[in-house]
Every structure is written in structure tokens, then in C-alpha cells.
Amino acid sequence: MKSGDQSAVAELYDRYSSVVYAVALRILGDAGAAEDVLQEVFLQLWRNPSGFDAARGSLGAWLAVISRNRAIDFLRRRRPETDIEDVVLSVAPDLAGDADRSRAAEKIRGVLGAMPLVQRSALELAYFEGLSHSEIASKTGEPLGTIKTRIRAGLMTLRKALQT
């Protein structure tokens, strides 16, 4: 290949192109871009065959690293999908939606405050601390069925309050 033998490059392409393409495709997630990287890598190899040093490792591994680096460079050069000028921001406040959310939150606070403490505690552990029913049962020492009943009853009470 160093002497400019095109058949040598063709043989290397047949042997290693799938590796180079696979690495680029994995990084880029775009077949067209991966093909561009594949072409760049073999063009680099054709123009500068002395860039590969057999004493430092295998040709396949070297080509995979070159492919990885070229794909990362391609990602860095890629322009954003949308220009900042094309982005439209809504600056009009949604006062009706904010008022509805505020009323719903106030109603939920009231209903939670009126719930029996054990029921409210089970709901808070499940929804604010993210514990599973089993974890709540272990933490409180209550039977699993009791925890499930308390959570279900609390949710039904909240649903009923929000429907009115």
C-alpha cells in the first residue's frame, strides 16, 4: 500500500470496512454520517499509509480508533438541529391554568390535612419518598394488606375531592 497499490487498499477495505462502519454507526446513529466517516478513514489511510505503525498494534484496532475519533469529531462539528432564531418561546402567562393548579393544590392540602394520620402517612411515604408498598410495610411494621388499603382509600378520597 505504501507503494500506491490500489489492490492493496481494496483488500484492506474489504477486510476492515465493516469494523470502521460499525464503530462510526454506533457513535453517530446515522448511516449516512457513518458512511462519510468510513470514506474519510480509508482516504486518510490511502494518503498517509505510514500513519500506521505495526509495532504499536493491529491494523484493525488502529482503524477502529481512527473511526471512533473521526465520528466524535463529526459530532462536534455537527450544527444544532434547529437554529436559535427558529425557536419560539411562549411568554404569555397561563393565568387560568395557574389559578386552576393553585385551587387544586389547596384542595389537596385540605383533604390531606383532614385524613387520618396513618392514611396520610402511607400516602406520603409512597408518593413523596417513593417507597413501595412492601417498603412502607417494613418501615411501619404494619401488614402489607393494611398499607395497600390505606393508600387506596387515601387515593379514592383525593379523587373524590378533586372531582367536585
Protein backbone atom coordinates (compact mmCIF):
# COMPACT_ATOMS: atom_id res chain seq x y z
CA MET A 1 0.00 0.00 0.00
CA LYS A 2 2.89 2.35 0.71
CA SER A 3 3.90 1.95 -2.93
CA GLY A 4 0.41 3.12 -4.07
CA ASP A 5 -1.02 -0.30 -4.95
CA GLN A 6 -4.78 0.18 -5.29
CA SER A 7 -5.49 -3.53 -4.96
CA ALA A 8 -3.90 -3.47 -1.50
CA VAL A 9 -6.27 -0.71 -0.42
CA ALA A 10 -9.20 -2.62 -1.91
CA GLU A 11 -8.20 -5.73 0.04
CA LEU A 12 -7.90 -3.74 3.29
CA TYR A 13 -11.24 -2.08 2.58
CA ASP A 14 -12.91 -5.47 2.09
CA ARG A 15 -11.39 -6.76 5.30
CA TYR A 16 -11.88 -3.77 7.65
CA SER A 17 -14.66 -1.58 6.26
CA SER A 18 -17.35 -3.34 8.28
CA VAL A 19 -15.47 -2.65 11.53
CA VAL A 20 -14.89 1.01 10.69
CA TYR A 21 -18.51 1.46 9.63
CA ALA A 22 -19.87 -0.32 12.72
CA VAL A 23 -17.84 1.86 15.09
CA ALA A 24 -18.93 5.05 13.34
CA LEU A 25 -22.57 3.97 13.19
CA ARG A 26 -22.56 3.09 16.87
CA ILE A 27 -21.32 6.57 17.79
CA LEU A 28 -23.27 8.61 15.26
CA GLY A 29 -26.52 6.65 14.99
CA ASP A 30 -26.82 7.84 11.38
CA ALA A 31 -25.99 5.59 8.43
CA GLY A 32 -25.12 8.44 6.08
CA ALA A 33 -22.76 10.06 8.56
CA ALA A 34 -21.17 6.67 9.30
CA GLU A 35 -20.54 6.19 5.58
CA ASP A 36 -18.86 9.61 5.46
CA VAL A 37 -16.59 8.62 8.34
CA LEU A 38 -15.82 5.31 6.61
CA GLN A 39 -14.76 7.18 3.49
CA GLU A 40 -12.64 9.66 5.46
CA VAL A 41 -10.82 6.90 7.35
CA PHE A 42 -9.85 4.98 4.22
CA LEU A 43 -8.96 8.18 2.41
CA GLN A 44 -6.64 9.05 5.29
CA LEU A 45 -5.12 5.56 5.11
CA TRP A 46 -4.59 5.94 1.34
CA ARG A 47 -3.00 9.39 1.64
CA ASN A 48 -0.84 8.60 4.66
CA PRO A 49 -0.19 4.86 4.96
CA SER A 50 2.84 5.50 7.14
CA GLY A 51 0.50 6.78 9.86
CA PHE A 52 0.00 3.17 10.91
CA ASP A 53 2.81 1.61 12.95
CA ALA A 54 2.56 -2.20 13.12
CA ALA A 55 4.78 -2.23 16.19
CA ARG A 56 2.08 -0.41 18.17
CA GLY A 57 -0.81 -2.79 17.39
CA SER A 58 -3.00 -4.37 14.76
CA LEU A 59 -4.37 -2.52 11.74
CA GLY A 60 -7.96 -3.39 12.64
CA ALA A 61 -7.67 -1.89 16.11
CA TRP A 62 -5.93 1.20 14.73
CA LEU A 63 -8.67 1.71 12.14
CA ALA A 64 -11.34 1.29 14.83
CA VAL A 65 -9.69 4.01 16.95
CA ILE A 66 -9.37 6.31 13.94
CA SER A 67 -13.04 5.66 13.12
CA ARG A 68 -14.05 6.45 16.69
CA ASN A 69 -12.08 9.68 16.70
CA ARG A 70 -13.46 10.78 13.32
CA ALA A 71 -17.03 10.02 14.44
CA ILE A 72 -16.57 12.08 17.61
CA ASP A 73 -15.09 14.92 15.54
CA PHE A 74 -18.12 14.69 13.25
CA LEU A 75 -20.45 15.00 16.26
CA ARG A 76 -18.57 18.05 17.48
CA ARG A 77 -18.77 19.75 14.07
CA ARG A 78 -22.45 18.97 13.57
CA ARG A 79 -24.63 22.06 13.71
CA PRO A 80 -27.57 22.04 16.09
CA GLU A 81 -30.76 20.61 14.62
CA THR A 82 -32.57 23.94 14.93
CA ASP A 83 -31.23 27.44 14.86
CA ILE A 84 -31.88 29.54 17.92
CA GLU A 85 -33.80 32.01 15.74
CA ASP A 86 -36.31 29.28 14.84
CA VAL A 87 -37.21 28.56 18.46
CA VAL A 88 -40.42 30.23 19.59
CA LEU A 89 -40.92 30.77 23.28
CA SER A 90 -44.29 31.43 24.76
CA VAL A 91 -44.07 34.35 27.11
CA ALA A 92 -47.79 34.80 27.69
CA PRO A 93 -48.59 33.64 31.22
CA ASP A 94 -51.20 30.92 31.61
CA LEU A 95 -53.12 32.63 34.40
CA ALA A 96 -56.17 30.37 34.12
CA GLY A 97 -54.02 27.23 34.30
CA ASP A 98 -52.02 28.63 37.20
CA ALA A 99 -55.21 29.50 39.07
CA ASP A 100 -56.63 26.01 38.46
CA ARG A 101 -53.45 24.36 39.71
CA SER A 102 -53.38 26.60 42.75
CA ARG A 103 -57.00 25.74 43.64
CA ALA A 104 -56.32 22.02 43.14
CA ALA A 105 -53.21 22.16 45.33
CA GLU A 106 -55.15 24.00 48.05
CA LYS A 107 -57.92 21.40 47.90
CA ILE A 108 -55.39 18.54 48.11
CA ARG A 109 -53.71 20.14 51.12
CA GLY A 110 -57.07 20.42 52.85
CA VAL A 111 -58.04 16.82 52.12
CA LEU A 112 -54.64 15.51 53.24
CA GLY A 113 -54.92 17.53 56.46
CA ALA A 114 -58.33 16.02 57.21
CA MET A 115 -57.20 12.41 56.55
CA PRO A 116 -56.41 10.07 59.42
CA LEU A 117 -52.69 10.31 60.23
CA VAL A 118 -51.91 6.66 59.32
CA GLN A 119 -53.58 7.05 55.91
CA ARG A 120 -51.82 10.35 55.13
CA SER A 121 -48.51 8.91 56.31
CA ALA A 122 -48.84 5.90 53.97
CA LEU A 123 -49.61 8.21 51.02
CA GLU A 124 -46.68 10.49 51.83
CA LEU A 125 -44.26 7.57 52.11
CA ALA A 126 -45.45 6.19 48.78
CA TYR A 127 -45.65 9.38 46.72
CA PHE A 128 -43.20 11.80 48.31
CA GLU A 129 -40.49 9.37 49.42
CA GLY A 130 -41.02 6.88 46.57
CA LEU A 131 -41.28 3.80 48.78
CA SER A 132 -43.02 0.66 47.53
CA HIS A 133 -45.92 -0.84 49.44
CA SER A 134 -43.61 -3.55 50.81
CA GLU A 135 -41.03 -0.99 51.93
CA ILE A 136 -43.73 1.02 53.71
CA ALA A 137 -44.97 -2.12 55.46
CA SER A 138 -41.42 -2.93 56.61
CA LYS A 139 -40.77 0.62 57.75
CA THR A 140 -44.02 0.99 59.70
CA GLY A 141 -44.32 -2.60 60.93
CA GLU A 142 -47.86 -2.80 59.54
CA PRO A 143 -49.16 -5.70 57.40
CA LEU A 144 -48.81 -5.23 53.62
CA GLY A 145 -52.57 -5.53 53.09
CA THR A 146 -53.21 -2.73 55.60
CA ILE A 147 -50.77 -0.43 53.79
CA LYS A 148 -52.39 -1.16 50.42
CA THR A 149 -55.85 -0.47 51.87
CA ARG A 150 -54.75 2.83 53.42
CA ILE A 151 -53.13 4.03 50.19
CA ARG A 152 -56.12 3.02 48.10
CA ALA A 153 -58.59 4.68 50.47
CA GLY A 154 -56.49 7.85 50.55
CA LEU A 155 -56.32 8.00 46.75
CA MET A 156 -60.06 7.47 46.47
CA THR A 157 -60.65 10.31 48.93
CA LEU A 158 -58.36 12.61 46.92
CA ARG A 159 -60.03 11.65 43.64
CA LYS A 160 -63.48 12.32 45.06
CA ALA A 161 -62.39 15.73 46.37
CA LEU A 162 -60.89 16.73 43.02
CA GLN A 163 -63.99 15.69 41.05
CA THR A 164 -66.21 18.09 42.95
